[in-house]
Amino acid sequence: MLRSNLLLTSLILLSVRGIAQEKASEELLWHADRPSPVAIYRDLDCNPTKPGCFHYYFQAPAGASLAPHRHSVAMKITVRFGRKFILMGDLDNARVQRFDAGSTFTIPANTWHVEWWETETLEDVEGIGPMRTEHASTETPRQDAAGNRR
């Protein structure tokens, strides 16, 4: 009886330890996004702030949004799953663009844009650094799918 209890306890401890190690390794791969505490990113190849090609995943939860900002380099975006909404260019006159899973588009260098996600979304982002990001304001103008500001 004592031997079987020790064996069971050992198995439970090994399972808990394995889960903890797996969780710790996942936490090393994914990081909170720099401008937004709700989105996370994972560098796949190189650092966007350093010279050279970069490639990372950006995952946004449903309801997340980013205020007007622009990047110093062009970025190729592929929506892996979910749906992304974006306004680009002259934000007062821009029309909302919607990108569903499988869509690929480019945000040109130095183009002001606002982004939001109504469903959990994973994006694949590529570019050539070094990339700098400039933020315009803390407010995020949003439009619904019909183009009405809210």
C-alpha atoms as a PDB file:
ATOM      1  CA  MET A   1       0.000   0.000   0.000  1.00  0.00           C
ATOM      2  CA  LEU A   2       2.756   2.441   0.968  1.00  0.00           C
ATOM      3  CA  ARG A   3       4.688   1.520  -2.170  1.00  0.00           C
ATOM      4  CA  SER A   4       1.671   2.174  -4.447  1.00  0.00           C
ATOM      5  CA  ASN A   5       1.007   5.522  -2.696  1.00  0.00           C
ATOM      6  CA  LEU A   6       4.634   6.555  -3.250  1.00  0.00           C
ATOM      7  CA  LEU A   7       4.406   5.527  -6.892  1.00  0.00           C
ATOM      8  CA  LEU A   8       1.164   7.484  -7.377  1.00  0.00           C
ATOM      9  CA  THR A   9       2.604  10.552  -5.625  1.00  0.00           C
ATOM     10  CA  SER A  10       5.739  10.371  -7.807  1.00  0.00           C
ATOM     11  CA  LEU A  11       3.650  10.178 -10.984  1.00  0.00           C
ATOM     12  CA  ILE A  12       1.555  13.179  -9.937  1.00  0.00           C
ATOM     13  CA  LEU A  13       4.648  15.245  -9.106  1.00  0.00           C
ATOM     14  CA  LEU A  14       6.259  14.358 -12.441  1.00  0.00           C
ATOM     15  CA  SER A  15       3.069  15.363 -14.292  1.00  0.00           C
ATOM     16  CA  VAL A  16       2.835  18.688 -12.461  1.00  0.00           C
ATOM     17  CA  ARG A  17       6.526  19.338 -13.098  1.00  0.00           C
ATOM     18  CA  GLY A  18       6.106  18.570 -16.819  1.00  0.00           C
ATOM     19  CA  ILE A  19       3.135  20.928 -17.108  1.00  0.00           C
ATOM     20  CA  ALA A  20       5.047  23.673 -15.277  1.00  0.00           C
ATOM     21  CA  GLN A  21       8.076  23.247 -17.575  1.00  0.00           C
ATOM     22  CA  GLU A  22       5.867  23.319 -20.679  1.00  0.00           C
ATOM     23  CA  LYS A  23       4.131  26.489 -19.441  1.00  0.00           C
ATOM     24  CA  ALA A  24       7.487  28.117 -18.652  1.00  0.00           C
ATOM     25  CA  SER A  25       8.813  27.351 -22.158  1.00  0.00           C
ATOM     26  CA  GLU A  26       5.642  28.838 -23.730  1.00  0.00           C
ATOM     27  CA  GLU A  27       6.106  32.002 -21.671  1.00  0.00           C
ATOM     28  CA  LEU A  28       9.617  32.369 -23.082  1.00  0.00           C
ATOM     29  CA  LEU A  29       8.296  32.228 -26.653  1.00  0.00           C
ATOM     30  CA  TRP A  30       5.409  34.697 -26.397  1.00  0.00           C
ATOM     31  CA  HIS A  31       5.810  38.255 -25.102  1.00  0.00           C
ATOM     32  CA  ALA A  32       3.428  41.117 -24.356  1.00  0.00           C
ATOM     33  CA  ASP A  33       3.281  43.479 -27.292  1.00  0.00           C
ATOM     34  CA  ARG A  34       5.269  46.651 -26.775  1.00  0.00           C
ATOM     35  CA  PRO A  35       2.478  49.235 -27.327  1.00  0.00           C
ATOM     36  CA  SER A  36      -0.443  47.149 -26.075  1.00  0.00           C
ATOM     37  CA  PRO A  37      -0.687  45.039 -22.924  1.00  0.00           C
ATOM     38  CA  VAL A  38      -3.436  42.859 -24.430  1.00  0.00           C
ATOM     39  CA  ALA A  39      -1.759  41.565 -27.587  1.00  0.00           C
ATOM     40  CA  ILE A  40       1.211  39.198 -27.606  1.00  0.00           C
ATOM     41  CA  TYR A  41       3.986  38.582 -30.111  1.00  0.00           C
ATOM     42  CA  ARG A  42       6.629  35.945 -30.757  1.00  0.00           C
ATOM     43  CA  ASP A  43       9.838  36.687 -32.664  1.00  0.00           C
ATOM     44  CA  LEU A  44      10.419  33.964 -35.256  1.00  0.00           C
ATOM     45  CA  ASP A  45      13.468  35.368 -36.987  1.00  0.00           C
ATOM     46  CA  CYS A  46      15.539  38.375 -35.882  1.00  0.00           C
ATOM     47  CA  ASN A  47      14.534  41.447 -33.909  1.00  0.00           C
ATOM     48  CA  PRO A  48      12.467  44.155 -35.678  1.00  0.00           C
ATOM     49  CA  THR A  49      14.510  46.911 -33.995  1.00  0.00           C
ATOM     50  CA  LYS A  50      17.789  45.578 -35.459  1.00  0.00           C
ATOM     51  CA  PRO A  51      19.049  45.843 -39.064  1.00  0.00           C
ATOM     52  CA  GLY A  52      17.995  43.021 -41.384  1.00  0.00           C
ATOM     53  CA  CYS A  53      14.931  40.921 -42.113  1.00  0.00           C
ATOM     54  CA  PHE A  54      12.488  40.230 -39.293  1.00  0.00           C
ATOM     55  CA  HIS A  55       9.545  37.868 -38.948  1.00  0.00           C
ATOM     56  CA  TYR A  56       7.174  37.525 -35.996  1.00  0.00           C
ATOM     57  CA  TYR A  57       3.699  36.389 -34.967  1.00  0.00           C
ATOM     58  CA  PHE A  58       1.291  38.928 -33.502  1.00  0.00           C
ATOM     59  CA  GLN A  59      -1.745  37.574 -31.656  1.00  0.00           C
ATOM     60  CA  ALA A  60      -4.571  39.915 -30.645  1.00  0.00           C
ATOM     61  CA  PRO A  61      -7.561  38.928 -28.515  1.00  0.00           C
ATOM     62  CA  ALA A  62     -11.118  39.831 -29.526  1.00  0.00           C
ATOM     63  CA  GLY A  63     -11.824  43.497 -28.791  1.00  0.00           C
ATOM     64  CA  ALA A  64      -8.178  44.633 -28.876  1.00  0.00           C
ATOM     65  CA  SER A  65      -7.238  47.818 -30.720  1.00  0.00           C
ATOM     66  CA  LEU A  66      -4.174  49.955 -31.410  1.00  0.00           C
ATOM     67  CA  ALA A  67      -4.319  53.759 -31.561  1.00  0.00           C
ATOM     68  CA  PRO A  68      -2.974  55.661 -34.583  1.00  0.00           C
ATOM     69  CA  HIS A  69       0.662  54.856 -35.214  1.00  0.00           C
ATOM     70  CA  ARG A  70       3.152  54.336 -38.023  1.00  0.00           C
ATOM     71  CA  HIS A  71       6.269  52.276 -38.595  1.00  0.00           C
ATOM     72  CA  SER A  72       9.489  53.373 -40.290  1.00  0.00           C
ATOM     73  CA  VAL A  73       9.479  50.297 -42.572  1.00  0.00           C
ATOM     74  CA  ALA A  74       6.948  48.485 -44.755  1.00  0.00           C
ATOM     75  CA  MET A  75       5.378  45.427 -43.152  1.00  0.00           C
ATOM     76  CA  LYS A  76       3.856  42.430 -44.958  1.00  0.00           C
ATOM     77  CA  ILE A  77       0.955  41.026 -42.904  1.00  0.00           C
ATOM     78  CA  THR A  78      -0.676  37.614 -43.376  1.00  0.00           C
ATOM     79  CA  VAL A  79      -3.777  36.877 -41.288  1.00  0.00           C
ATOM     80  CA  ARG A  80      -3.401  33.238 -40.173  1.00  0.00           C
ATOM     81  CA  PHE A  81      -6.720  33.038 -38.325  1.00  0.00           C
ATOM     82  CA  GLY A  82      -9.335  35.518 -37.174  1.00  0.00           C
ATOM     83  CA  ARG A  83     -10.162  38.892 -38.716  1.00  0.00           C
ATOM     84  CA  LYS A  84      -8.350  42.236 -38.760  1.00  0.00           C
ATOM     85  CA  PHE A  85      -9.772  45.708 -39.395  1.00  0.00           C
ATOM     86  CA  ILE A  86      -7.552  48.628 -40.340  1.00  0.00           C
ATOM     87  CA  LEU A  87      -7.692  52.277 -41.380  1.00  0.00           C
ATOM     88  CA  MET A  88      -4.619  53.467 -43.338  1.00  0.00           C
ATOM     89  CA  GLY A  89      -3.380  56.800 -44.661  1.00  0.00           C
ATOM     90  CA  ASP A  90      -5.455  59.944 -44.062  1.00  0.00           C
ATOM     91  CA  LEU A  91      -7.338  58.597 -41.046  1.00  0.00           C
ATOM     92  CA  ASP A  92     -10.071  61.268 -41.254  1.00  0.00           C
ATOM     93  CA  ASN A  93     -11.036  60.073 -44.735  1.00  0.00           C
ATOM     94  CA  ALA A  94      -9.815  56.465 -44.756  1.00  0.00           C
ATOM     95  CA  ARG A  95     -12.253  53.637 -45.374  1.00  0.00           C
ATOM     96  CA  VAL A  96     -12.205  50.616 -43.145  1.00  0.00           C
ATOM     97  CA  GLN A  97     -10.499  47.576 -44.643  1.00  0.00           C
ATOM     98  CA  ARG A  98     -11.249  44.056 -43.420  1.00  0.00           C
ATOM     99  CA  PHE A  99      -8.827  41.173 -43.748  1.00  0.00           C
ATOM    100  CA  ASP A 100     -10.021  37.625 -43.036  1.00  0.00           C
ATOM    101  CA  ALA A 101      -7.927  34.496 -42.461  1.00  0.00           C
ATOM    102  CA  GLY A 102      -5.687  33.830 -45.468  1.00  0.00           C
ATOM    103  CA  SER A 103      -5.486  37.515 -46.476  1.00  0.00           C
ATOM    104  CA  THR A 104      -2.108  39.119 -47.138  1.00  0.00           C
ATOM    105  CA  PHE A 105      -1.495  42.867 -47.420  1.00  0.00           C
ATOM    106  CA  THR A 106       1.252  45.442 -46.910  1.00  0.00           C
ATOM    107  CA  ILE A 107       1.327  48.464 -44.639  1.00  0.00           C
ATOM    108  CA  PRO A 108       3.666  50.895 -46.448  1.00  0.00           C
ATOM    109  CA  ALA A 109       6.475  52.562 -44.492  1.00  0.00           C
ATOM    110  CA  ASN A 110       5.494  55.740 -42.599  1.00  0.00           C
ATOM    111  CA  THR A 111       1.754  55.201 -43.194  1.00  0.00           C
ATOM    112  CA  TRP A 112      -0.492  56.187 -40.290  1.00  0.00           C
ATOM    113  CA  HIS A 113      -2.882  53.386 -39.395  1.00  0.00           C
ATOM    114  CA  VAL A 114      -5.345  52.225 -36.737  1.00  0.00           C
ATOM    115  CA  GLU A 115      -5.940  48.509 -36.151  1.00  0.00           C
ATOM    116  CA  TRP A 116      -8.571  46.494 -34.291  1.00  0.00           C
ATOM    117  CA  TRP A 117      -9.735  42.920 -33.947  1.00  0.00           C
ATOM    118  CA  GLU A 118     -13.284  41.735 -33.228  1.00  0.00           C
ATOM    119  CA  THR A 119     -12.215  38.077 -32.973  1.00  0.00           C
ATOM    120  CA  GLU A 120      -9.033  36.474 -31.668  1.00  0.00           C
ATOM    121  CA  THR A 121      -6.553  36.863 -34.522  1.00  0.00           C
ATOM    122  CA  LEU A 122      -3.073  35.583 -35.334  1.00  0.00           C
ATOM    123  CA  GLU A 123      -0.960  37.524 -37.830  1.00  0.00           C
ATOM    124  CA  ASP A 124       2.351  36.710 -39.469  1.00  0.00           C
ATOM    125  CA  VAL A 125       4.426  39.926 -39.845  1.00  0.00           C
ATOM    126  CA  GLU A 126       7.530  40.356 -42.021  1.00  0.00           C
ATOM    127  CA  GLY A 127       9.757  43.299 -42.868  1.00  0.00           C
ATOM    128  CA  ILE A 128      13.290  44.654 -43.030  1.00  0.00           C
ATOM    129  CA  GLY A 129      14.529  46.548 -39.976  1.00  0.00           C
ATOM    130  CA  PRO A 130      15.466  48.490 -38.086  1.00  0.00           C
ATOM    131  CA  MET A 131      11.845  49.405 -37.382  1.00  0.00           C
ATOM    132  CA  ARG A 132      10.751  52.312 -35.240  1.00  0.00           C
ATOM    133  CA  THR A 133       7.128  52.941 -34.242  1.00  0.00           C
ATOM    134  CA  GLU A 134       5.629  56.394 -33.683  1.00  0.00           C
ATOM    135  CA  HIS A 135       2.296  56.836 -31.875  1.00  0.00           C
ATOM    136  CA  ALA A 136      -0.023  59.767 -32.684  1.00  0.00           C
ATOM    137  CA  SER A 137      -2.444  59.670 -29.748  1.00  0.00           C
ATOM    138  CA  THR A 138      -3.962  57.389 -27.132  1.00  0.00           C
ATOM    139  CA  GLU A 139      -7.463  57.488 -28.656  1.00  0.00           C
ATOM    140  CA  THR A 140      -8.443  54.930 -31.274  1.00  0.00           C
ATOM    141  CA  PRO A 141     -11.044  56.036 -33.814  1.00  0.00           C
ATOM    142  CA  ARG A 142     -13.023  52.977 -34.887  1.00  0.00           C
ATOM    143  CA  GLN A 143     -15.499  52.281 -37.612  1.00  0.00           C
ATOM    144  CA  ASP A 144     -17.980  49.473 -37.847  1.00  0.00           C
ATOM    145  CA  ALA A 145     -18.107  47.295 -40.975  1.00  0.00           C
ATOM    146  CA  ALA A 146     -20.496  49.811 -42.611  1.00  0.00           C
ATOM    147  CA  GLY A 147     -17.898  52.602 -42.220  1.00  0.00           C
ATOM    148  CA  ASN A 148     -19.630  54.483 -39.370  1.00  0.00           C
ATOM    149  CA  ARG A 149     -17.257  55.951 -36.787  1.00  0.00           C
ATOM    150  CA  ARG A 150     -17.861  55.002 -33.175  1.00  0.00           C
END
